PDB file of N, CA and C in Angstrom:
ATOM      1  N   MET A   1     -87.770 -31.663 206.859  1.00  0.00           N
ATOM      2  CA  MET A   1     -88.798 -32.353 206.107  1.00  0.00           C
ATOM      3  C   MET A   1     -89.746 -31.341 205.488  1.00  0.00           C
ATOM      4  N   SER A   2     -90.208 -31.690 204.328  1.00  0.00           N
ATOM      5  CA  SER A   2     -91.202 -30.828 203.690  1.00  0.00           C
ATOM      6  C   SER A   2     -92.576 -31.136 204.295  1.00  0.00           C
ATOM      7  N   ALA A   3     -93.529 -30.301 204.014  1.00  0.00           N
ATOM      8  CA  ALA A   3     -94.870 -30.448 204.578  1.00  0.00           C
ATOM      9  C   ALA A   3     -95.512 -31.789 204.209  1.00  0.00           C
ATOM     10  N   PRO A   4     -95.468 -32.261 202.940  1.00  0.00           N
ATOM     11  CA  PRO A   4     -96.067 -33.561 202.623  1.00  0.00           C
ATOM     12  C   PRO A   4     -95.363 -34.703 203.361  1.00  0.00           C
ATOM     13  N   GLN A   5     -94.019 -34.616 203.467  1.00  0.00           N
ATOM     14  CA  GLN A   5     -93.292 -35.671 204.166  1.00  0.00           C
ATOM     15  C   GLN A   5     -93.651 -35.673 205.663  1.00  0.00           C
ATOM     16  N   THR A   6     -93.821 -34.517 206.215  1.00  0.00           N
ATOM     17  CA  THR A   6     -94.185 -34.401 207.622  1.00  0.00           C
ATOM     18  C   THR A   6     -95.573 -34.986 207.865  1.00  0.00           C
ATOM     19  N   LEU A   7     -96.499 -34.694 206.957  1.00  0.00           N
ATOM     20  CA  LEU A   7     -97.853 -35.236 207.100  1.00  0.00           C
ATOM     21  C   LEU A   7     -97.844 -36.761 206.979  1.00  0.00           C
ATOM     22  N   ILE A   8     -97.079 -37.288 206.045  1.00  0.00           N
ATOM     23  CA  ILE A   8     -97.001 -38.744 205.873  1.00  0.00           C
ATOM     24  C   ILE A   8     -96.377 -39.375 207.113  1.00  0.00           C
ATOM     25  N   GLN A   9     -95.294 -38.790 207.597  1.00  0.00           N
ATOM     26  CA  GLN A   9     -94.637 -39.314 208.792  1.00  0.00           C
ATOM     27  C   GLN A   9     -95.577 -39.249 209.997  1.00  0.00           C
ATOM     28  N   ALA A  10     -96.324 -38.152 210.126  1.00  0.00           N
ATOM     29  CA  ALA A  10     -97.275 -38.009 211.221  1.00  0.00           C
ATOM     30  C   ALA A  10     -98.388 -39.066 211.122  1.00  0.00           C
ATOM     31  N   ALA A  11     -98.872 -39.305 209.909  1.00  0.00           N
ATOM     32  CA  ALA A  11     -99.914 -40.312 209.697  1.00  0.00           C
ATOM     33  C   ALA A  11     -99.398 -41.707 210.060  1.00  0.00           C
ATOM     34  N   VAL A  12     -98.176 -42.019 209.643  1.00  0.00           N
ATOM     35  CA  VAL A  12     -97.578 -43.315 209.961  1.00  0.00           C
ATOM     36  C   VAL A  12     -97.413 -43.460 211.472  1.00  0.00           C
ATOM     37  N   ASN A  13     -96.948 -42.421 212.127  1.00  0.00           N
ATOM     38  CA  ASN A  13     -96.769 -42.460 213.583  1.00  0.00           C
ATOM     39  C   ASN A  13     -98.095 -42.702 214.308  1.00  0.00           C
ATOM     40  N   ARG A  14     -99.148 -42.006 213.860  1.00  0.00           N
ATOM     41  CA  ARG A  14    -100.457 -42.153 214.498  1.00  0.00           C
ATOM     42  C   ARG A  14    -101.045 -43.542 214.261  1.00  0.00           C
ATOM     43  N   LEU A  15    -100.877 -44.054 213.028  1.00  0.00           N
ATOM     44  CA  LEU A  15    -101.364 -45.410 212.732  1.00  0.00           C
ATOM     45  C   LEU A  15    -100.642 -46.437 213.601  1.00  0.00           C
ATOM     46  N   ALA A  16     -99.332 -46.263 213.742  1.00  0.00           N
ATOM     47  CA  ALA A  16     -98.567 -47.189 214.577  1.00  0.00           C
ATOM     48  C   ALA A  16     -99.033 -47.119 216.027  1.00  0.00           C
ATOM     49  N   ALA A  17     -99.299 -45.918 216.515  1.00  0.00           N
ATOM     50  CA  ALA A  17     -99.762 -45.752 217.891  1.00  0.00           C
ATOM     51  C   ALA A  17    -101.133 -46.403 218.092  1.00  0.00           C
ATOM     52  N   ARG A  18    -102.017 -46.215 217.126  1.00  0.00           N
ATOM     53  CA  ARG A  18    -103.352 -46.816 217.243  1.00  0.00           C
ATOM     54  C   ARG A  18    -103.291 -48.326 217.149  1.00  0.00           C
ATOM     55  N   LEU A  19    -102.508 -48.846 216.230  1.00  0.00           N
ATOM     56  CA  LEU A  19    -102.366 -50.297 216.112  1.00  0.00           C
ATOM     57  C   LEU A  19    -101.746 -50.873 217.370  1.00  0.00           C
ATOM     58  N   GLY A  20    -100.753 -50.202 217.897  1.00  0.00           N
ATOM     59  CA  GLY A  20    -100.124 -50.661 219.135  1.00  0.00           C
ATOM     60  C   GLY A  20    -101.109 -50.681 220.283  1.00  0.00           C
ATOM     61  N   SER A  21    -101.944 -49.658 220.365  1.00  0.00           N
ATOM     62  CA  SER A  21    -102.958 -49.585 221.407  1.00  0.00           C
ATOM     63  C   SER A  21    -103.974 -50.710 221.236  1.00  0.00           C
ATOM     64  N   GLY A  22    -104.371 -50.959 219.995  1.00  0.00           N
ATOM     65  CA  GLY A  22    -105.316 -52.046 219.713  1.00  0.00           C
ATOM     66  C   GLY A  22    -104.740 -53.393 220.089  1.00  0.00           C
ATOM     67  N   LEU A  23    -103.458 -53.594 219.795  1.00  0.00           N
ATOM     68  CA  LEU A  23    -102.818 -54.854 220.158  1.00  0.00           C
ATOM     69  C   LEU A  23    -102.716 -54.998 221.673  1.00  0.00           C
ATOM     70  N   ALA A  24    -102.430 -53.899 222.352  1.00  0.00           N
ATOM     71  CA  ALA A  24    -102.356 -53.943 223.813  1.00  0.00           C
ATOM     72  C   ALA A  24    -103.726 -54.287 224.401  1.00  0.00           C
ATOM     73  N   ASP A  25    -104.791 -53.706 223.848  1.00  0.00           N
ATOM     74  CA  ASP A  25    -106.141 -54.016 224.317  1.00  0.00           C
ATOM     75  C   ASP A  25    -106.477 -55.490 224.075  1.00  0.00           C
ATOM     76  N   ALA A  26    -106.100 -55.996 222.906  1.00  0.00           N
ATOM     77  CA  ALA A  26    -106.352 -57.401 222.588  1.00  0.00           C
ATOM     78  C   ALA A  26    -105.581 -58.312 223.546  1.00  0.00           C
ATOM     79  N   ALA A  27    -104.328 -57.964 223.835  1.00  0.00           N
ATOM     80  CA  ALA A  27    -103.524 -58.761 224.758  1.00  0.00           C
ATOM     81  C   ALA A  27    -104.133 -58.745 226.159  1.00  0.00           C
ATOM     82  N   ALA A  28    -104.628 -57.596 226.577  1.00  0.00           N
ATOM     83  CA  ALA A  28    -105.270 -57.505 227.894  1.00  0.00           C
ATOM     84  C   ALA A  28    -106.534 -58.361 227.937  1.00  0.00           C
ATOM     85  N   GLY A  29    -107.302 -58.327 226.859  1.00  0.00           N
ATOM     86  CA  GLY A  29    -108.506 -59.162 226.778  1.00  0.00           C
ATOM     87  C   GLY A  29    -108.174 -60.642 226.848  1.00  0.00           C
ATOM     88  N   LEU A  30    -107.124 -61.039 226.155  1.00  0.00           N
ATOM     89  CA  LEU A  30    -106.694 -62.440 226.198  1.00  0.00           C
ATOM     90  C   LEU A  30    -106.228 -62.831 227.600  1.00  0.00           C
ATOM     91  N   ALA A  31    -105.574 -61.916 228.283  1.00  0.00           N
ATOM     92  CA  ALA A  31    -105.118 -62.196 229.647  1.00  0.00           C
ATOM     93  C   ALA A  31    -106.307 -62.433 230.575  1.00  0.00           C
ATOM     94  N   VAL A  32    -107.361 -61.633 230.415  1.00  0.00           N
ATOM     95  CA  VAL A  32    -108.565 -61.812 231.235  1.00  0.00           C
ATOM     96  C   VAL A  32    -109.201 -63.164 230.940  1.00  0.00           C
ATOM     97  N   ILE A  33    -109.288 -63.502 229.668  1.00  0.00           N
ATOM     98  CA  ILE A  33    -109.867 -64.792 229.283  1.00  0.00           C
ATOM     99  C   ILE A  33    -109.032 -65.934 229.849  1.00  0.00           C
ATOM    100  N   ALA A  34    -107.710 -65.797 229.759  1.00  0.00           N
ATOM    101  CA  ALA A  34    -106.827 -66.845 230.281  1.00  0.00           C
ATOM    102  C   ALA A  34    -106.991 -67.003 231.789  1.00  0.00           C
ATOM    103  N   GLN A  35    -107.233 -65.912 232.496  1.00  0.00           N
ATOM    104  CA  GLN A  35    -107.436 -65.991 233.941  1.00  0.00           C
ATOM    105  C   GLN A  35    -108.771 -66.660 234.273  1.00  0.00           C
ATOM    106  N   ASP A  36    -109.800 -66.393 233.488  1.00  0.00           N
ATOM    107  CA  ASP A  36    -111.127 -66.946 233.749  1.00  0.00           C
ATOM    108  C   ASP A  36    -111.280 -68.379 233.248  1.00  0.00           C
ATOM    109  N   ALA A  37    -110.444 -68.800 232.323  1.00  0.00           N
ATOM    110  CA  ALA A  37    -110.592 -70.116 231.705  1.00  0.00           C
ATOM    111  C   ALA A  37    -110.551 -71.264 232.717  1.00  0.00           C
ATOM    112  N   PRO A  38    -109.587 -71.323 233.630  1.00  0.00           N
ATOM    113  CA  PRO A  38    -109.568 -72.456 234.562  1.00  0.00           C
ATOM    114  C   PRO A  38    -110.838 -72.547 235.417  1.00  0.00           C
ATOM    115  N   GLU A  39    -111.330 -71.408 235.877  1.00  0.00           N
ATOM    116  CA  GLU A  39    -112.551 -71.405 236.685  1.00  0.00           C
ATOM    117  C   GLU A  39    -113.739 -71.885 235.864  1.00  0.00           C
ATOM    118  N   ARG A  40    -113.814 -71.405 234.648  1.00  0.00           N
ATOM    119  CA  ARG A  40    -114.931 -71.800 233.783  1.00  0.00           C
ATOM    120  C   ARG A  40    -114.863 -73.287 233.434  1.00  0.00           C
ATOM    121  N   LEU A  41    -113.661 -73.777 233.144  1.00  0.00           N
ATOM    122  CA  LEU A  41    -113.501 -75.203 232.864  1.00  0.00           C
ATOM    123  C   LEU A  41    -113.899 -76.033 234.078  1.00  0.00           C
ATOM    124  N   LEU A  42    -113.527 -75.580 235.252  1.00  0.00           N
ATOM    125  CA  LEU A  42    -113.882 -76.297 236.476  1.00  0.00           C
ATOM    126  C   LEU A  42    -115.395 -76.330 236.653  1.00  0.00           C
ATOM    127  N   GLN A  43    -116.058 -75.213 236.410  1.00  0.00           N
ATOM    128  CA  GLN A  43    -117.521 -75.173 236.512  1.00  0.00           C
ATOM    129  C   GLN A  43    -118.162 -76.128 235.510  1.00  0.00           C
ATOM    130  N   GLU A  44    -117.669 -76.099 234.282  1.00  0.00           N
ATOM    131  CA  GLU A  44    -118.204 -76.988 233.244  1.00  0.00           C
ATOM    132  C   GLU A  44    -118.013 -78.445 233.643  1.00  0.00           C
ATOM    133  N   TRP A  45    -116.828 -78.761 234.151  1.00  0.00           N
ATOM    134  CA  TRP A  45    -116.520 -80.132 234.545  1.00  0.00           C
ATOM    135  C   TRP A  45    -117.435 -80.570 235.690  1.00  0.00           C
ATOM    136  N   GLN A  46    -117.607 -79.713 236.696  1.00  0.00           N
ATOM    137  CA  GLN A  46    -118.466 -80.054 237.828  1.00  0.00           C
ATOM    138  C   GLN A  46    -119.906 -80.278 237.376  1.00  0.00           C
ATOM    139  N   LEU A  47    -120.383 -79.451 236.479  1.00  0.00           N
ATOM    140  CA  LEU A  47    -121.729 -79.605 235.955  1.00  0.00           C
ATOM    141  C   LEU A  47    -121.861 -80.923 235.207  1.00  0.00           C
ATOM    142  N   PHE A  48    -120.871 -81.246 234.401  1.00  0.00           N
ATOM    143  CA  PHE A  48    -120.896 -82.493 233.636  1.00  0.00           C
ATOM    144  C   PHE A  48    -120.897 -83.696 234.578  1.00  0.00           C
ATOM    145  N   VAL A  49    -120.036 -83.688 235.598  1.00  0.00           N
ATOM    146  CA  VAL A  49    -119.963 -84.797 236.545  1.00  0.00           C
ATOM    147  C   VAL A  49    -121.300 -84.964 237.263  1.00  0.00           C
ATOM    148  N   GLU A  50    -121.905 -83.849 237.663  1.00  0.00           N
ATOM    149  CA  GLU A  50    -123.206 -83.902 238.333  1.00  0.00           C
ATOM    150  C   GLU A  50    -124.265 -84.524 237.421  1.00  0.00           C
ATOM    151  N   GLU A  51    -124.271 -84.131 236.154  1.00  0.00           N
ATOM    152  CA  GLU A  51    -125.243 -84.688 235.203  1.00  0.00           C
ATOM    153  C   GLU A  51    -125.012 -86.178 234.986  1.00  0.00           C
ATOM    154  N   VAL A  52    -123.755 -86.586 234.902  1.00  0.00           N
ATOM    155  CA  VAL A  52    -123.449 -88.004 234.705  1.00  0.00           C
ATOM    156  C   VAL A  52    -123.914 -88.806 235.915  1.00  0.00           C
ATOM    157  N   GLU A  53    -123.669 -88.282 237.123  1.00  0.00           N
ATOM    158  CA  GLU A  53    -124.116 -88.975 238.333  1.00  0.00           C
ATOM    159  C   GLU A  53    -125.639 -89.101 238.360  1.00  0.00           C
ATOM    160  N   GLN A  54    -126.338 -88.037 237.997  1.00  0.00           N
ATOM    161  CA  GLN A  54    -127.798 -88.088 237.965  1.00  0.00           C
ATOM    162  C   GLN A  54    -128.286 -89.099 236.940  1.00  0.00           C
ATOM    163  N   GLU A  55    -127.647 -89.124 235.788  1.00  0.00           N
ATOM    164  CA  GLU A  55    -128.049 -90.069 234.751  1.00  0.00           C
ATOM    165  C   GLU A  55    -127.759 -91.494 235.186  1.00  0.00           C
ATOM    166  N   ALA A  56    -126.634 -91.721 235.859  1.00  0.00           N
ATOM    167  CA  ALA A  56    -126.312 -93.061 236.358  1.00  0.00           C
ATOM    168  C   ALA A  56    -127.350 -93.519 237.384  1.00  0.00           C
ATOM    169  N   GLU A  57    -127.751 -92.608 238.271  1.00  0.00           N
ATOM    170  CA  GLU A  57    -128.790 -92.938 239.243  1.00  0.00           C
ATOM    171  C   GLU A  57    -130.099 -93.280 238.532  1.00  0.00           C
ATOM    172  N   ARG A  58    -130.415 -92.512 237.523  1.00  0.00           N
ATOM    173  CA  ARG A  58    -131.654 -92.765 236.775  1.00  0.00           C
ATOM    174  C   ARG A  58    -131.614 -94.129 236.114  1.00  0.00           C
ATOM    175  N   LEU A  59    -130.471 -94.477 235.542  1.00  0.00           N
ATOM    176  CA  LEU A  59    -130.357 -95.760 234.858  1.00  0.00           C
ATOM    177  C   LEU A  59    -130.385 -96.933 235.833  1.00  0.00           C
ATOM    178  N   GLU A  60    -129.936 -96.713 237.061  1.00  0.00           N
ATOM    179  CA  GLU A  60    -129.922 -97.789 238.050  1.00  0.00           C
ATOM    180  C   GLU A  60    -131.291 -98.050 238.649  1.00  0.00           C
ATOM    181  N   GLN A  61    -132.201 -97.101 238.585  1.00  0.00           N
ATOM    182  CA  GLN A  61    -133.525 -97.260 239.189  1.00  0.00           C
ATOM    183  C   GLN A  61    -134.431 -98.015 238.225  1.00  0.00           C
ATOM    184  N   PRO A  62    -134.861 -99.220 238.609  1.00  0.00           N
ATOM    185  CA  PRO A  62    -135.676-100.020 237.696  1.00  0.00           C
ATOM    186  C   PRO A  62    -137.148 -99.632 237.671  1.00  0.00           C
ATOM    187  N   ASP A  63    -137.631 -98.864 238.655  1.00  0.00           N
ATOM    188  CA  ASP A  63    -139.063 -98.575 238.659  1.00  0.00           C
ATOM    189  C   ASP A  63    -139.430 -97.585 237.566  1.00  0.00           C
ATOM    190  N   THR A  64    -140.603 -97.751 237.019  1.00  0.00           N
ATOM    191  CA  THR A  64    -141.024 -96.962 235.858  1.00  0.00           C
ATOM    192  C   THR A  64    -141.317 -95.523 236.211  1.00  0.00           C
ATOM    193  N   ASP A  65    -141.651 -95.221 237.469  1.00  0.00           N
ATOM    194  CA  ASP A  65    -141.922 -93.843 237.848  1.00  0.00           C
ATOM    195  C   ASP A  65    -140.688 -92.975 237.674  1.00  0.00           C
ATOM    196  N   ALA A  66    -139.522 -93.495 238.092  1.00  0.00           N
ATOM    197  CA  ALA A  66    -138.284 -92.730 237.948  1.00  0.00           C
ATOM    198  C   ALA A  66    -137.950 -92.533 236.475  1.00  0.00           C
ATOM    199  N   THR A  67    -138.202 -93.558 235.669  1.00  0.00           N
ATOM    200  CA  THR A  67    -137.914 -93.454 234.242  1.00  0.00           C
ATOM    201  C   THR A  67    -138.840 -92.431 233.592  1.00  0.00           C
ATOM    202  N   ALA A  68    -140.114 -92.449 233.971  1.00  0.00           N
ATOM    203  CA  ALA A  68    -141.058 -91.480 233.413  1.00  0.00           C
ATOM    204  C   ALA A  68    -140.701 -90.067 233.860  1.00  0.00           C
ATOM    205  N   GLU A  69    -140.261 -89.937 235.125  1.00  0.00           N
ATOM    206  CA  GLU A  69    -139.868 -88.625 235.626  1.00  0.00           C
ATOM    207  C   GLU A  69    -138.662 -88.100 234.853  1.00  0.00           C
ATOM    208  N   SER A  70    -137.718 -88.979 234.566  1.00  0.00           N
ATOM    209  CA  SER A  70    -136.538 -88.571 233.812  1.00  0.00           C
ATOM    210  C   SER A  70    -136.917 -88.166 232.394  1.00  0.00           C
ATOM    211  N   ALA A  71    -137.817 -88.910 231.788  1.00  0.00           N
ATOM    212  CA  ALA A  71    -138.266 -88.566 230.441  1.00  0.00           C
ATOM    213  C   ALA A  71    -138.939 -87.203 230.444  1.00  0.00           C
ATOM    214  N   ALA A  72    -139.692 -86.919 231.514  1.00  0.00           N
ATOM    215  CA  ALA A  72    -140.340 -85.618 231.617  1.00  0.00           C
ATOM    216  C   ALA A  72    -139.306 -84.513 231.761  1.00  0.00           C
ATOM    217  N   SER A  73    -138.229 -84.779 232.514  1.00  0.00           N
ATOM    218  CA  SER A  73    -137.198 -83.753 232.668  1.00  0.00           C
ATOM    219  C   SER A  73    -136.478 -83.505 231.347  1.00  0.00           C
ATOM    220  N   TRP A  74    -136.309 -84.552 230.532  1.00  0.00           N
ATOM    221  CA  TRP A  74    -135.710 -84.359 229.200  1.00  0.00           C
ATOM    222  C   TRP A  74    -136.597 -83.441 228.377  1.00  0.00           C
ATOM    223  N   SER A  75    -137.903 -83.703 228.421  1.00  0.00           N
ATOM    224  CA  SER A  75    -138.825 -82.894 227.641  1.00  0.00           C
ATOM    225  C   SER A  75    -138.870 -81.464 228.158  1.00  0.00           C
ATOM    226  N   ALA A  76    -138.839 -81.302 229.471  1.00  0.00           N
ATOM    227  CA  ALA A  76    -138.881 -79.969 230.055  1.00  0.00           C
ATOM    228  C   ALA A  76    -137.651 -79.161 229.687  1.00  0.00           C
ATOM    229  N   ALA A  77    -136.542 -79.851 229.461  1.00  0.00           N
ATOM    230  CA  ALA A  77    -135.302 -79.163 229.102  1.00  0.00           C
ATOM    231  C   ALA A  77    -135.230 -78.883 227.608  1.00  0.00           C
ATOM    232  N   GLY A  78    -136.266 -79.233 226.879  1.00  0.00           N
ATOM    233  CA  GLY A  78    -136.266 -78.945 225.450  1.00  0.00           C
ATOM    234  C   GLY A  78    -135.672 -80.062 224.614  1.00  0.00           C
ATOM    235  N   GLN A  79    -135.478 -81.213 225.214  1.00  0.00           N
ATOM    236  CA  GLN A  79    -134.932 -82.355 224.489  1.00  0.00           C
ATOM    237  C   GLN A  79    -136.035 -83.389 224.338  1.00  0.00           C
ATOM    238  N   GLU A  80    -135.957 -84.162 223.297  1.00  0.00           N
ATOM    239  CA  GLU A  80    -136.897 -85.235 223.113  1.00  0.00           C
ATOM    240  C   GLU A  80    -136.527 -86.349 224.065  1.00  0.00           C
ATOM    241  N   GLY A  81    -137.478 -86.857 224.806  1.00  0.00           N
ATOM    242  CA  GLY A  81    -137.217 -87.945 225.746  1.00  0.00           C
ATOM    243  C   GLY A  81    -136.886 -89.215 225.010  1.00  0.00           C
ATOM    244  N   PRO A  82    -136.253 -90.170 225.690  1.00  0.00           N
ATOM    245  CA  PRO A  82    -135.902 -91.418 225.057  1.00  0.00           C
ATOM    246  C   PRO A  82    -137.149 -92.154 224.586  1.00  0.00           C
ATOM    247  N   VAL A  83    -137.081 -92.770 223.433  1.00  0.00           N
ATOM    248  CA  VAL A  83    -138.185 -93.535 222.900  1.00  0.00           C
ATOM    249  C   VAL A  83    -138.396 -94.742 223.795  1.00  0.00           C
ATOM    250  N   GLY A  84    -139.631 -94.999 224.165  1.00  0.00           N
ATOM    251  CA  GLY A  84    -139.928 -96.155 225.007  1.00  0.00           C
ATOM    252  C   GLY A  84    -139.416 -95.979 226.418  1.00  0.00           C
ATOM    253  N   ALA A  85    -139.305 -94.772 226.913  1.00  0.00           N
ATOM    254  CA  ALA A  85    -138.751 -94.535 228.235  1.00  0.00           C
ATOM    255  C   ALA A  85    -139.613 -95.135 229.330  1.00  0.00           C
ATOM    256  N   HIS A  86    -140.876 -95.420 229.046  1.00  0.00           N
ATOM    257  CA  HIS A  86    -141.746 -95.955 230.077  1.00  0.00           C
ATOM    258  C   HIS A  86    -141.518 -97.443 230.307  1.00  0.00           C
ATOM    259  N   ALA A  87    -140.808 -98.113 229.416  1.00  0.00           N
ATOM    260  CA  ALA A  87    -140.546 -99.549 229.566  1.00  0.00           C
ATOM    261  C   ALA A  87    -139.055 -99.769 229.699  1.00  0.00           C
ATOM    262  N   ALA A  88    -138.582 -99.799 230.941  1.00  0.00           N
ATOM    263  CA  ALA A  88    -137.154 -99.972 231.176  1.00  0.00           C
ATOM    264  C   ALA A  88    -136.835-101.448 231.321  1.00  0.00           C
ATOM    265  N   ASP A  89    -135.627-101.843 230.877  1.00  0.00           N
ATOM    266  CA  ASP A  89    -135.199-103.223 231.065  1.00  0.00           C
ATOM    267  C   ASP A  89    -134.556-103.353 232.440  1.00  0.00           C
ATOM    268  N   PRO A  90    -134.175-104.549 232.878  1.00  0.00           N
ATOM    269  CA  PRO A  90    -133.618-104.711 234.224  1.00  0.00           C
ATOM    270  C   PRO A  90    -132.351-103.910 234.461  1.00  0.00           C
ATOM    271  N   HIS A  91    -131.653-103.531 233.422  1.00  0.00           N
ATOM    272  CA  HIS A  91    -130.418-102.776 233.573  1.00  0.00           C
ATOM    273  C   HIS A  91    -130.667-101.276 233.590  1.00  0.00           C
ATOM    274  N   GLY A  92    -131.902-100.845 233.442  1.00  0.00           N
ATOM    275  CA  GLY A  92    -132.229 -99.434 233.503  1.00  0.00           C
ATOM    276  C   GLY A  92    -132.224 -98.745 232.154  1.00  0.00           C
ATOM    277  N   ALA A  93    -131.805 -99.417 231.088  1.00  0.00           N
ATOM    278  CA  ALA A  93    -131.793 -98.796 229.767  1.00  0.00           C
ATOM    279  C   ALA A  93    -133.203 -98.854 229.189  1.00  0.00           C
ATOM    280  N   ALA A  94    -133.576 -97.826 228.488  1.00  0.00           N
ATOM    281  CA  ALA A  94    -134.907 -97.778 227.898  1.00  0.00           C
ATOM    282  C   ALA A  94    -135.018 -98.793 226.773  1.00  0.00           C
ATOM    283  N   ALA A  95    -136.156 -99.475 226.702  1.00  0.00           N
ATOM    284  CA  ALA A  95    -136.373-100.463 225.662  1.00  0.00           C
ATOM    285  C   ALA A  95    -136.480 -99.758 224.318  1.00  0.00           C
ATOM    286  N   GLY A  96    -135.845-100.299 223.301  1.00  0.00           N
ATOM    287  CA  GLY A  96    -135.932 -99.752 221.961  1.00  0.00           C
ATOM    288  C   GLY A  96    -134.977 -98.607 221.690  1.00  0.00           C
ATOM    289  N   VAL A  97    -134.196 -98.216 222.665  1.00  0.00           N
ATOM    290  CA  VAL A  97    -133.236 -97.132 222.466  1.00  0.00           C
ATOM    291  C   VAL A  97    -131.837 -97.731 222.561  1.00  0.00           C
ATOM    292  N   SER A  98    -131.085 -97.566 221.502  1.00  0.00           N
ATOM    293  CA  SER A  98    -129.729 -98.125 221.498  1.00  0.00           C
ATOM    294  C   SER A  98    -128.822 -97.317 222.406  1.00  0.00           C
ATOM    295  N   PRO A  99    -127.764 -97.926 222.886  1.00  0.00           N
ATOM    296  CA  PRO A  99    -126.807 -97.170 223.702  1.00  0.00           C
ATOM    297  C   PRO A  99    -126.262 -95.943 222.961  1.00  0.00           C
ATOM    298  N   GLN A 100    -126.046 -96.064 221.660  1.00  0.00           N
ATOM    299  CA  GLN A 100    -125.541 -94.932 220.901  1.00  0.00           C
ATOM    300  C   GLN A 100    -126.547 -93.781 220.897  1.00  0.00           C
ATOM    301  N   ASP A 101    -127.844 -94.120 220.800  1.00  0.00           N
ATOM    302  CA  ASP A 101    -128.870 -93.077 220.850  1.00  0.00           C
ATOM    303  C   ASP A 101    -128.870 -92.379 222.207  1.00  0.00           C
ATOM    304  N   GLN A 102    -128.683 -93.158 223.269  1.00  0.00           N
ATOM    305  CA  GLN A 102    -128.618 -92.563 224.605  1.00  0.00           C
ATOM    306  C   GLN A 102    -127.408 -91.644 224.720  1.00  0.00           C
ATOM    307  N   ILE A 103    -126.280 -92.078 224.175  1.00  0.00           N
ATOM    308  CA  ILE A 103    -125.070 -91.250 224.198  1.00  0.00           C
ATOM    309  C   ILE A 103    -125.295 -89.968 223.411  1.00  0.00           C
ATOM    310  N   ASP A 104    -125.920 -90.088 222.255  1.00  0.00           N
ATOM    311  CA  ASP A 104    -126.202 -88.906 221.436  1.00  0.00           C
ATOM    312  C   ASP A 104    -127.114 -87.933 222.173  1.00  0.00           C
ATOM    313  N   GLN A 105    -128.107 -88.471 222.886  1.00  0.00           N
ATOM    314  CA  GLN A 105    -129.005 -87.612 223.646  1.00  0.00           C
ATOM    315  C   GLN A 105    -128.258 -86.903 224.774  1.00  0.00           C
ATOM    316  N   LEU A 106    -127.366 -87.632 225.436  1.00  0.00           N
ATOM    317  CA  LEU A 106    -126.566 -87.014 226.501  1.00  0.00           C
ATOM    318  C   LEU A 106    -125.659 -85.925 225.944  1.00  0.00           C
ATOM    319  N   ARG A 107    -125.041 -86.189 224.805  1.00  0.00           N
ATOM    320  CA  ARG A 107    -124.177 -85.183 224.181  1.00  0.00           C
ATOM    321  C   ARG A 107    -124.977 -83.936 223.808  1.00  0.00           C
ATOM    322  N   ALA A 108    -126.155 -84.141 223.280  1.00  0.00           N
ATOM    323  CA  ALA A 108    -126.997 -83.002 222.914  1.00  0.00           C
ATOM    324  C   ALA A 108    -127.371 -82.203 224.154  1.00  0.00           C
ATOM    325  N   ARG A 109    -127.664 -82.890 225.234  1.00  0.00           N
ATOM    326  CA  ARG A 109    -128.021 -82.219 226.490  1.00  0.00           C
ATOM    327  C   ARG A 109    -126.834 -81.418 227.032  1.00  0.00           C
ATOM    328  N   VAL A 110    -125.647 -82.021 226.992  1.00  0.00           N
ATOM    329  CA  VAL A 110    -124.447 -81.331 227.458  1.00  0.00           C
ATOM    330  C   VAL A 110    -124.192 -80.093 226.601  1.00  0.00           C
ATOM    331  N   ALA A 111    -124.353 -80.211 225.297  1.00  0.00           N
ATOM    332  CA  ALA A 111    -124.157 -79.065 224.401  1.00  0.00           C
ATOM    333  C   ALA A 111    -125.164 -77.962 224.716  1.00  0.00           C
ATOM    334  N   GLN A 112    -126.408 -78.346 224.979  1.00  0.00           N
ATOM    335  CA  GLN A 112    -127.430 -77.349 225.308  1.00  0.00           C
ATOM    336  C   GLN A 112    -127.086 -76.639 226.610  1.00  0.00           C
ATOM    337  N   LEU A 113    -126.665 -77.388 227.607  1.00  0.00           N
ATOM    338  CA  LEU A 113    -126.301 -76.777 228.883  1.00  0.00           C
ATOM    339  C   LEU A 113    -125.083 -75.872 228.731  1.00  0.00           C
ATOM    340  N   SER A 114    -124.141 -76.268 227.896  1.00  0.00           N
ATOM    341  CA  SER A 114    -122.968 -75.427 227.654  1.00  0.00           C
ATOM    342  C   SER A 114    -123.370 -74.103 227.027  1.00  0.00           C
ATOM    343  N   ARG A 115    -124.296 -74.168 226.058  1.00  0.00           N
ATOM    344  CA  ARG A 115    -124.775 -72.932 225.428  1.00  0.00           C
ATOM    345  C   ARG A 115    -125.470 -72.041 226.451  1.00  0.00           C
ATOM    346  N   ARG A 116    -126.251 -72.640 227.359  1.00  0.00           N
ATOM    347  CA  ARG A 116    -126.933 -71.850 228.383  1.00  0.00           C
ATOM    348  C   ARG A 116    -125.910 -71.183 229.309  1.00  0.00           C
ATOM    349  N   LEU A 117    -124.860 -71.891 229.652  1.00  0.00           N
ATOM    350  CA  LEU A 117    -123.828 -71.307 230.504  1.00  0.00           C
ATOM    351  C   LEU A 117    -123.100 -70.172 229.792  1.00  0.00           C
ATOM    352  N   GLU A 118    -122.824 -70.344 228.502  1.00  0.00           N
ATOM    353  CA  GLU A 118    -122.157 -69.295 227.735  1.00  0.00           C
ATOM    354  C   GLU A 118    -123.035 -68.062 227.644  1.00  0.00           C
ATOM    355  N   ASP A 119    -124.348 -68.263 227.521  1.00  0.00           N
ATOM    356  CA  ASP A 119    -125.267 -67.125 227.437  1.00  0.00           C
ATOM    357  C   ASP A 119    -125.298 -66.345 228.744  1.00  0.00           C
ATOM    358  N   ARG A 120    -125.123 -67.030 229.876  1.00  0.00           N
ATOM    359  CA  ARG A 120    -125.126 -66.361 231.174  1.00  0.00           C
ATOM    360  C   ARG A 120    -123.853 -65.547 231.392  1.00  0.00           C
ATOM    361  N   ALA A 121    -122.748 -66.008 230.813  1.00  0.00           N
ATOM    362  CA  ALA A 121    -121.455 -65.336 231.056  1.00  0.00           C
ATOM    363  C   ALA A 121    -121.330 -64.040 230.311  1.00  0.00           C
TER     364      ALA A 121
END
């Protein structure tokens, strides 16, 4: 081989080696993520179940103190509390707040908690 051909071949060989190394690093990173994914999903699921249970308990309690306390916890978490949270109906739902609004608030809370968990990881 002539000198220019040798340099080109050497450059191609080095690029291939670096790309191969980069791909190996990426594959290793994906393997770590794949190993951690089930544990993380389990943690997320457990957190969600716990929040749903707490919300169900809150909705079942007809006294206004529990409803006001829950509204305060929504505000403390950076979420707007349910409108009319101080006046609960016999079923525990806040007066003037549609079920869809409650669902939207829960979804927003879950999204916020997910972001907090991602920030910790």
